[in-house]
PDB file of N, CA and C in Angstrom:
ATOM      1  N   MET A   1      -3.682   3.271 -18.412  1.00  0.00           N
ATOM      2  CA  MET A   1      -2.954   2.539 -19.454  1.00  0.00           C
ATOM      3  C   MET A   1      -2.553   1.380 -18.665  1.00  0.00           C
ATOM      4  N   ARG A   2      -2.676   0.202 -19.078  1.00  0.00           N
ATOM      5  CA  ARG A   2      -2.368  -1.029 -18.270  1.00  0.00           C
ATOM      6  C   ARG A   2      -0.896  -1.692 -19.192  1.00  0.00           C
ATOM      7  N   ARG A   3       0.326  -2.085 -18.277  1.00  0.00           N
ATOM      8  CA  ARG A   3       1.334  -2.209 -19.075  1.00  0.00           C
ATOM      9  C   ARG A   3       1.647  -3.762 -18.684  1.00  0.00           C
ATOM     10  N   VAL A   4       2.588  -4.330 -19.239  1.00  0.00           N
ATOM     11  CA  VAL A   4       2.737  -5.750 -19.031  1.00  0.00           C
ATOM     12  C   VAL A   4       4.441  -5.777 -18.601  1.00  0.00           C
ATOM     13  N   GLU A   5       4.773  -6.410 -17.405  1.00  0.00           N
ATOM     14  CA  GLU A   5       6.064  -6.188 -17.187  1.00  0.00           C
ATOM     15  C   GLU A   5       6.522  -7.897 -16.558  1.00  0.00           C
ATOM     16  N   ALA A   6       7.461  -8.270 -17.235  1.00  0.00           N
ATOM     17  CA  ALA A   6       7.656  -9.839 -16.890  1.00  0.00           C
ATOM     18  C   ALA A   6       6.647 -10.774 -16.813  1.00  0.00           C
ATOM     19  N   GLY A   7       5.574 -10.562 -17.802  1.00  0.00           N
ATOM     20  CA  GLY A   7       4.588 -11.301 -17.698  1.00  0.00           C
ATOM     21  C   GLY A   7       3.280 -10.858 -16.998  1.00  0.00           C
ATOM     22  N   VAL A   8       3.657  -9.870 -16.029  1.00  0.00           N
ATOM     23  CA  VAL A   8       2.448  -9.281 -15.149  1.00  0.00           C
ATOM     24  C   VAL A   8       1.818  -8.027 -15.680  1.00  0.00           C
ATOM     25  N   THR A   9       0.599  -8.169 -15.859  1.00  0.00           N
ATOM     26  CA  THR A   9      -0.086  -6.741 -16.098  1.00  0.00           C
ATOM     27  C   THR A   9      -0.203  -6.033 -15.132  1.00  0.00           C
ATOM     28  N   ARG A  10       0.165  -4.535 -15.223  1.00  0.00           N
ATOM     29  CA  ARG A  10       0.209  -3.812 -14.285  1.00  0.00           C
ATOM     30  C   ARG A  10      -0.667  -2.498 -14.721  1.00  0.00           C
ATOM     31  N   GLY A  11      -1.304  -1.835 -13.672  1.00  0.00           N
ATOM     32  CA  GLY A  11      -1.956  -0.663 -13.627  1.00  0.00           C
ATOM     33  C   GLY A  11      -1.245   0.504 -13.913  1.00  0.00           C
ATOM     34  N   GLN A  12      -2.018   1.749 -14.050  1.00  0.00           N
ATOM     35  CA  GLN A  12      -1.182   3.132 -14.053  1.00  0.00           C
ATOM     36  C   GLN A  12      -0.210   3.221 -12.830  1.00  0.00           C
ATOM     37  N   ARG A  13       0.746   3.807 -12.922  1.00  0.00           N
ATOM     38  CA  ARG A  13       1.534   4.258 -11.757  1.00  0.00           C
ATOM     39  C   ARG A  13       1.061   5.043 -10.772  1.00  0.00           C
ATOM     40  N   VAL A  14       1.080   5.045  -9.485  1.00  0.00           N
ATOM     41  CA  VAL A  14       0.362   5.664  -8.427  1.00  0.00           C
ATOM     42  C   VAL A  14       1.648   6.163  -7.481  1.00  0.00           C
ATOM     43  N   ALA A  15       1.576   7.566  -6.922  1.00  0.00           N
ATOM     44  CA  ALA A  15       2.533   7.985  -6.038  1.00  0.00           C
ATOM     45  C   ALA A  15       1.980   8.082  -4.819  1.00  0.00           C
ATOM     46  N   PHE A  16       2.389   7.664  -3.640  1.00  0.00           N
ATOM     47  CA  PHE A  16       1.842   7.899  -2.391  1.00  0.00           C
ATOM     48  C   PHE A  16       3.003   7.847  -1.377  1.00  0.00           C
ATOM     49  N   THR A  17       2.648   7.991   0.038  1.00  0.00           N
ATOM     50  CA  THR A  17       3.873   8.063   1.019  1.00  0.00           C
ATOM     51  C   THR A  17       3.531   7.333   2.220  1.00  0.00           C
ATOM     52  N   ILE A  18       4.507   6.578   2.641  1.00  0.00           N
ATOM     53  CA  ILE A  18       4.328   5.875   3.927  1.00  0.00           C
ATOM     54  C   ILE A  18       5.488   6.342   4.909  1.00  0.00           C
ATOM     55  N   ASP A  19       5.106   6.775   6.110  1.00  0.00           N
ATOM     56  CA  ASP A  19       5.756   7.425   6.952  1.00  0.00           C
ATOM     57  C   ASP A  19       6.692   8.563   6.261  1.00  0.00           C
ATOM     58  N   GLY A  20       6.104   9.481   5.508  1.00  0.00           N
ATOM     59  CA  GLY A  20       6.751  10.387   4.761  1.00  0.00           C
ATOM     60  C   GLY A  20       7.869   9.951   3.573  1.00  0.00           C
ATOM     61  N   ALA A  21       7.953   8.615   3.449  1.00  0.00           N
ATOM     62  CA  ALA A  21       8.847   8.379   2.287  1.00  0.00           C
ATOM     63  C   ALA A  21       7.826   8.045   1.063  1.00  0.00           C
ATOM     64  N   SER A  22       8.361   8.755   0.110  1.00  0.00           N
ATOM     65  CA  SER A  22       7.690   8.359  -1.344  1.00  0.00           C
ATOM     66  C   SER A  22       7.757   6.987  -1.861  1.00  0.00           C
ATOM     67  N   VAL A  23       6.596   6.604  -2.153  1.00  0.00           N
ATOM     68  CA  VAL A  23       6.531   5.022  -2.698  1.00  0.00           C
ATOM     69  C   VAL A  23       5.828   5.114  -4.090  1.00  0.00           C
ATOM     70  N   THR A  24       6.241   4.354  -5.190  1.00  0.00           N
ATOM     71  CA  THR A  24       5.604   4.331  -6.397  1.00  0.00           C
ATOM     72  C   THR A  24       4.959   2.934  -6.408  1.00  0.00           C
ATOM     73  N   ALA A  25       3.688   2.778  -6.751  1.00  0.00           N
ATOM     74  CA  ALA A  25       2.875   1.409  -6.703  1.00  0.00           C
ATOM     75  C   ALA A  25       2.173   1.616  -8.204  1.00  0.00           C
ATOM     76  N   PHE A  26       1.300   0.511  -8.013  1.00  0.00           N
ATOM     77  CA  PHE A  26       0.414   0.542  -9.324  1.00  0.00           C
ATOM     78  C   PHE A  26      -0.897   0.359  -9.110  1.00  0.00           C
ATOM     79  N   LYS A  27      -1.740   1.054  -9.739  1.00  0.00           N
ATOM     80  CA  LYS A  27      -3.379   1.135  -9.322  1.00  0.00           C
ATOM     81  C   LYS A  27      -3.648  -0.357  -9.456  1.00  0.00           C
ATOM     82  N   GLY A  28      -4.322  -0.657  -8.186  1.00  0.00           N
ATOM     83  CA  GLY A  28      -4.949  -2.005  -8.102  1.00  0.00           C
ATOM     84  C   GLY A  28      -4.380  -2.504  -6.891  1.00  0.00           C
ATOM     85  N   GLU A  29      -3.084  -2.194  -6.619  1.00  0.00           N
ATOM     86  CA  GLU A  29      -2.421  -2.671  -5.427  1.00  0.00           C
ATOM     87  C   GLU A  29      -2.867  -2.230  -4.091  1.00  0.00           C
ATOM     88  N   THR A  30      -2.475  -3.123  -3.335  1.00  0.00           N
ATOM     89  CA  THR A  30      -2.895  -2.672  -1.933  1.00  0.00           C
ATOM     90  C   THR A  30      -1.684  -1.859  -1.270  1.00  0.00           C
ATOM     91  N   VAL A  31      -2.085  -1.330  -0.211  1.00  0.00           N
ATOM     92  CA  VAL A  31      -0.639  -0.357   0.459  1.00  0.00           C
ATOM     93  C   VAL A  31       0.369  -1.350   0.844  1.00  0.00           C
ATOM     94  N   LEU A  32      -0.099  -2.374   1.485  1.00  0.00           N
ATOM     95  CA  LEU A  32       0.717  -3.519   1.974  1.00  0.00           C
ATOM     96  C   LEU A  32       1.851  -4.178   0.772  1.00  0.00           C
ATOM     97  N   ALA A  33       1.051  -4.437  -0.189  1.00  0.00           N
ATOM     98  CA  ALA A  33       1.631  -5.072  -1.314  1.00  0.00           C
ATOM     99  C   ALA A  33       2.791  -4.069  -1.989  1.00  0.00           C
ATOM    100  N   ALA A  34       2.258  -2.726  -2.027  1.00  0.00           N
ATOM    101  CA  ALA A  34       3.057  -1.700  -2.721  1.00  0.00           C
ATOM    102  C   ALA A  34       4.389  -1.382  -1.491  1.00  0.00           C
ATOM    103  N   ALA A  35       4.018  -1.574  -0.306  1.00  0.00           N
ATOM    104  CA  ALA A  35       4.969  -1.336   0.709  1.00  0.00           C
ATOM    105  C   ALA A  35       6.154  -2.439   0.779  1.00  0.00           C
ATOM    106  N   ARG A  36       5.725  -3.676   0.552  1.00  0.00           N
ATOM    107  CA  ARG A  36       6.660  -4.937   0.524  1.00  0.00           C
ATOM    108  C   ARG A  36       7.519  -4.986  -0.694  1.00  0.00           C
ATOM    109  N   ALA A  37       6.879  -4.380  -1.619  1.00  0.00           N
ATOM    110  CA  ALA A  37       7.621  -4.259  -2.944  1.00  0.00           C
ATOM    111  C   ALA A  37       8.823  -3.197  -2.761  1.00  0.00           C
ATOM    112  N   ALA A  38       8.402  -2.322  -2.044  1.00  0.00           N
ATOM    113  CA  ALA A  38       9.499  -1.099  -2.034  1.00  0.00           C
ATOM    114  C   ALA A  38      10.320  -1.538  -0.683  1.00  0.00           C
ATOM    115  N   ASP A  39      10.294  -2.653  -0.066  1.00  0.00           N
ATOM    116  CA  ASP A  39      11.117  -3.145   1.069  1.00  0.00           C
ATOM    117  C   ASP A  39      10.821  -2.094   2.101  1.00  0.00           C
ATOM    118  N   MET A  40       9.468  -1.742   2.548  1.00  0.00           N
ATOM    119  CA  MET A  40       9.224  -1.116   3.512  1.00  0.00           C
ATOM    120  C   MET A  40       8.553  -2.162   4.698  1.00  0.00           C
ATOM    121  N   PRO A  41       9.099  -1.774   5.824  1.00  0.00           N
ATOM    122  CA  PRO A  41       8.643  -2.530   6.909  1.00  0.00           C
ATOM    123  C   PRO A  41       7.054  -2.403   7.377  1.00  0.00           C
ATOM    124  N   ILE A  42       5.982  -2.933   6.861  1.00  0.00           N
ATOM    125  CA  ILE A  42       4.670  -2.801   7.305  1.00  0.00           C
ATOM    126  C   ILE A  42       4.247  -4.418   7.809  1.00  0.00           C
ATOM    127  N   ALA A  43       4.059  -4.417   9.055  1.00  0.00           N
ATOM    128  CA  ALA A  43       3.481  -5.888   9.522  1.00  0.00           C
ATOM    129  C   ALA A  43       2.354  -6.451   8.669  1.00  0.00           C
ATOM    130  N   GLY A  44       2.225  -7.537   8.610  1.00  0.00           N
ATOM    131  CA  GLY A  44       1.165  -8.057   7.861  1.00  0.00           C
ATOM    132  C   GLY A  44       1.059  -9.524   8.121  1.00  0.00           C
ATOM    133  N   TRP A  45      -0.029 -10.263   8.326  1.00  0.00           N
ATOM    134  CA  TRP A  45       0.134 -11.674   8.348  1.00  0.00           C
ATOM    135  C   TRP A  45      -0.541 -12.622   7.598  1.00  0.00           C
ATOM    136  N   CYS A  46      -2.209 -12.185   7.407  1.00  0.00           N
ATOM    137  CA  CYS A  46      -3.240 -12.813   7.034  1.00  0.00           C
ATOM    138  C   CYS A  46      -3.342 -12.320   5.603  1.00  0.00           C
ATOM    139  N   ASN A  47      -2.976 -11.185   5.203  1.00  0.00           N
ATOM    140  CA  ASN A  47      -3.324 -10.565   3.782  1.00  0.00           C
ATOM    141  C   ASN A  47      -4.979 -10.710   3.626  1.00  0.00           C
ATOM    142  N   MET A  48      -5.730 -10.685   4.389  1.00  0.00           N
ATOM    143  CA  MET A  48      -7.094 -10.699   4.141  1.00  0.00           C
ATOM    144  C   MET A  48      -7.998  -9.992   5.159  1.00  0.00           C
ATOM    145  N   GLY A  49      -7.412  -9.015   5.842  1.00  0.00           N
ATOM    146  CA  GLY A  49      -8.127  -8.189   6.808  1.00  0.00           C
ATOM    147  C   GLY A  49      -8.556  -8.882   8.200  1.00  0.00           C
ATOM    148  N   SER A  50      -8.295 -10.027   8.394  1.00  0.00           N
ATOM    149  CA  SER A  50      -8.600 -10.752   9.874  1.00  0.00           C
ATOM    150  C   SER A  50      -7.927 -10.449  10.879  1.00  0.00           C
ATOM    151  N   CYS A  51      -6.624 -10.330  10.825  1.00  0.00           N
ATOM    152  CA  CYS A  51      -5.633 -10.332  12.001  1.00  0.00           C
ATOM    153  C   CYS A  51      -5.570  -9.011  12.562  1.00  0.00           C
ATOM    154  N   GLY A  52      -5.491  -7.867  11.466  1.00  0.00           N
ATOM    155  CA  GLY A  52      -5.267  -6.453  11.984  1.00  0.00           C
ATOM    156  C   GLY A  52      -4.009  -6.219  12.239  1.00  0.00           C
ATOM    157  N   GLU A  53      -2.964  -6.939  11.954  1.00  0.00           N
ATOM    158  CA  GLU A  53      -1.532  -6.864  12.164  1.00  0.00           C
ATOM    159  C   GLU A  53      -0.825  -5.582  11.111  1.00  0.00           C
ATOM    160  N   CYS A  54      -1.778  -5.273  10.353  1.00  0.00           N
ATOM    161  CA  CYS A  54      -1.233  -4.312   9.350  1.00  0.00           C
ATOM    162  C   CYS A  54      -1.949  -3.096   9.322  1.00  0.00           C
ATOM    163  N   MET A  55      -2.355  -2.651  10.520  1.00  0.00           N
ATOM    164  CA  MET A  55      -3.179  -1.348  10.608  1.00  0.00           C
ATOM    165  C   MET A  55      -2.396  -0.241  10.298  1.00  0.00           C
ATOM    166  N   VAL A  56      -2.648   0.920   9.735  1.00  0.00           N
ATOM    167  CA  VAL A  56      -1.859   2.036   9.469  1.00  0.00           C
ATOM    168  C   VAL A  56      -2.829   3.191   9.596  1.00  0.00           C
ATOM    169  N   THR A  57      -2.323   4.453   9.717  1.00  0.00           N
ATOM    170  CA  THR A  57      -3.327   5.630   9.830  1.00  0.00           C
ATOM    171  C   THR A  57      -3.167   6.395   8.562  1.00  0.00           C
ATOM    172  N   ALA A  58      -4.484   6.801   8.035  1.00  0.00           N
ATOM    173  CA  ALA A  58      -4.334   7.355   6.639  1.00  0.00           C
ATOM    174  C   ALA A  58      -4.312   8.851   6.933  1.00  0.00           C
ATOM    175  N   ALA A  59      -4.044   9.738   6.164  1.00  0.00           N
ATOM    176  CA  ALA A  59      -4.002  11.295   6.586  1.00  0.00           C
ATOM    177  C   ALA A  59      -5.267  11.634   7.121  1.00  0.00           C
ATOM    178  N   SER A  60      -6.370  11.227   6.792  1.00  0.00           N
ATOM    179  CA  SER A  60      -7.673  11.508   7.374  1.00  0.00           C
ATOM    180  C   SER A  60      -7.617  11.246   8.841  1.00  0.00           C
ATOM    181  N   GLY A  61      -6.909  10.452   9.148  1.00  0.00           N
ATOM    182  CA  GLY A  61      -7.113   9.941  10.761  1.00  0.00           C
ATOM    183  C   GLY A  61      -7.465   9.035  10.923  1.00  0.00           C
ATOM    184  N   MET A  62      -8.226   8.165   9.808  1.00  0.00           N
ATOM    185  CA  MET A  62      -8.747   6.851  10.134  1.00  0.00           C
ATOM    186  C   MET A  62      -7.827   5.703  10.121  1.00  0.00           C
ATOM    187  N   ARG A  63      -8.095   4.870  11.032  1.00  0.00           N
ATOM    188  CA  ARG A  63      -7.139   3.663  11.002  1.00  0.00           C
ATOM    189  C   ARG A  63      -7.701   2.816  10.017  1.00  0.00           C
ATOM    190  N   VAL A  64      -6.961   2.212   8.938  1.00  0.00           N
ATOM    191  CA  VAL A  64      -7.167   1.277   7.885  1.00  0.00           C
ATOM    192  C   VAL A  64      -6.279   0.019   7.730  1.00  0.00           C
ATOM    193  N   ARG A  65      -6.780  -1.030   7.547  1.00  0.00           N
ATOM    194  CA  ARG A  65      -5.915  -2.096   7.233  1.00  0.00           C
ATOM    195  C   ARG A  65      -4.968  -2.064   5.977  1.00  0.00           C
ATOM    196  N   ALA A  66      -3.794  -2.019   5.891  1.00  0.00           N
ATOM    197  CA  ALA A  66      -3.103  -1.840   4.756  1.00  0.00           C
ATOM    198  C   ALA A  66      -3.335  -2.955   3.657  1.00  0.00           C
ATOM    199  N   CYS A  67      -3.601  -4.086   4.181  1.00  0.00           N
ATOM    200  CA  CYS A  67      -3.750  -5.373   2.985  1.00  0.00           C
ATOM    201  C   CYS A  67      -5.056  -5.138   2.332  1.00  0.00           C
ATOM    202  N   LEU A  68      -5.967  -4.205   2.850  1.00  0.00           N
ATOM    203  CA  LEU A  68      -7.234  -4.091   1.986  1.00  0.00           C
ATOM    204  C   LEU A  68      -7.409  -2.644   1.649  1.00  0.00           C
ATOM    205  N   THR A  69      -6.509  -1.840   1.759  1.00  0.00           N
ATOM    206  CA  THR A  69      -6.580  -0.419   1.307  1.00  0.00           C
ATOM    207  C   THR A  69      -5.890  -0.435  -0.241  1.00  0.00           C
ATOM    208  N   PRO A  70      -6.601   0.189  -1.068  1.00  0.00           N
ATOM    209  CA  PRO A  70      -5.836   0.298  -2.245  1.00  0.00           C
ATOM    210  C   PRO A  70      -5.226   1.545  -2.407  1.00  0.00           C
ATOM    211  N   VAL A  71      -4.064   1.622  -2.960  1.00  0.00           N
ATOM    212  CA  VAL A  71      -3.265   2.802  -3.144  1.00  0.00           C
ATOM    213  C   VAL A  71      -3.870   3.806  -3.971  1.00  0.00           C
ATOM    214  N   ALA A  72      -3.883   4.827  -3.742  1.00  0.00           N
ATOM    215  CA  ALA A  72      -4.168   6.086  -4.661  1.00  0.00           C
ATOM    216  C   ALA A  72      -3.218   7.176  -4.651  1.00  0.00           C
ATOM    217  N   GLU A  73      -3.343   7.901  -5.603  1.00  0.00           N
ATOM    218  CA  GLU A  73      -2.494   9.069  -5.905  1.00  0.00           C
ATOM    219  C   GLU A  73      -2.410   9.969  -4.594  1.00  0.00           C
ATOM    220  N   GLY A  74      -1.285  10.403  -4.126  1.00  0.00           N
ATOM    221  CA  GLY A  74      -1.313  11.361  -3.115  1.00  0.00           C
ATOM    222  C   GLY A  74      -1.723  10.849  -1.772  1.00  0.00           C
ATOM    223  N   LEU A  75      -1.951   9.573  -1.504  1.00  0.00           N
ATOM    224  CA  LEU A  75      -2.495   8.848  -0.344  1.00  0.00           C
ATOM    225  C   LEU A  75      -0.898   8.897   0.607  1.00  0.00           C
ATOM    226  N   SER A  76      -1.610   9.286   1.854  1.00  0.00           N
ATOM    227  CA  SER A  76      -0.376   9.337   3.014  1.00  0.00           C
ATOM    228  C   SER A  76      -0.768   8.538   4.171  1.00  0.00           C
ATOM    229  N   VAL A  77       0.112   7.405   4.644  1.00  0.00           N
ATOM    230  CA  VAL A  77      -0.498   6.648   5.661  1.00  0.00           C
ATOM    231  C   VAL A  77       0.902   6.700   6.668  1.00  0.00           C
ATOM    232  N   THR A  78       0.505   6.405   7.888  1.00  0.00           N
ATOM    233  CA  THR A  78       1.620   6.166   8.911  1.00  0.00           C
ATOM    234  C   THR A  78       1.641   5.104   9.500  1.00  0.00           C
ATOM    235  N   THR A  79       2.676   4.443   9.702  1.00  0.00           N
ATOM    236  CA  THR A  79       2.653   3.096  10.354  1.00  0.00           C
ATOM    237  C   THR A  79       2.623   2.972  11.903  1.00  0.00           C
ATOM    238  N   HIS A  80       2.330   2.061  12.475  1.00  0.00           N
ATOM    239  CA  HIS A  80       2.170   2.162  14.096  1.00  0.00           C
ATOM    240  C   HIS A  80       3.560   1.329  14.547  1.00  0.00           C
ATOM    241  N   GLY A  81       4.570   0.945  13.866  1.00  0.00           N
ATOM    242  CA  GLY A  81       5.437  -0.035  14.238  1.00  0.00           C
ATOM    243  C   GLY A  81       6.657   0.954  14.913  1.00  0.00           C
TER     244      GLY A  81
END
């Protein structure tokens, strides 16, 4: 179900963690966007995957770019800051 908040259409709520802290985001958002909305410090500069400043480690052990990785229910990421 999509919702409209302050003129912005949002997807369904998704819960995941960053460095063990619970974050609520919306389906379709990236990890970086959700982190910034939650005032969590994840570095990021270009927001298009070119610079690599936003690299995080997913629970699978893979390093991924937070600006390109969509949030998913139960996702767990660790920052390198």
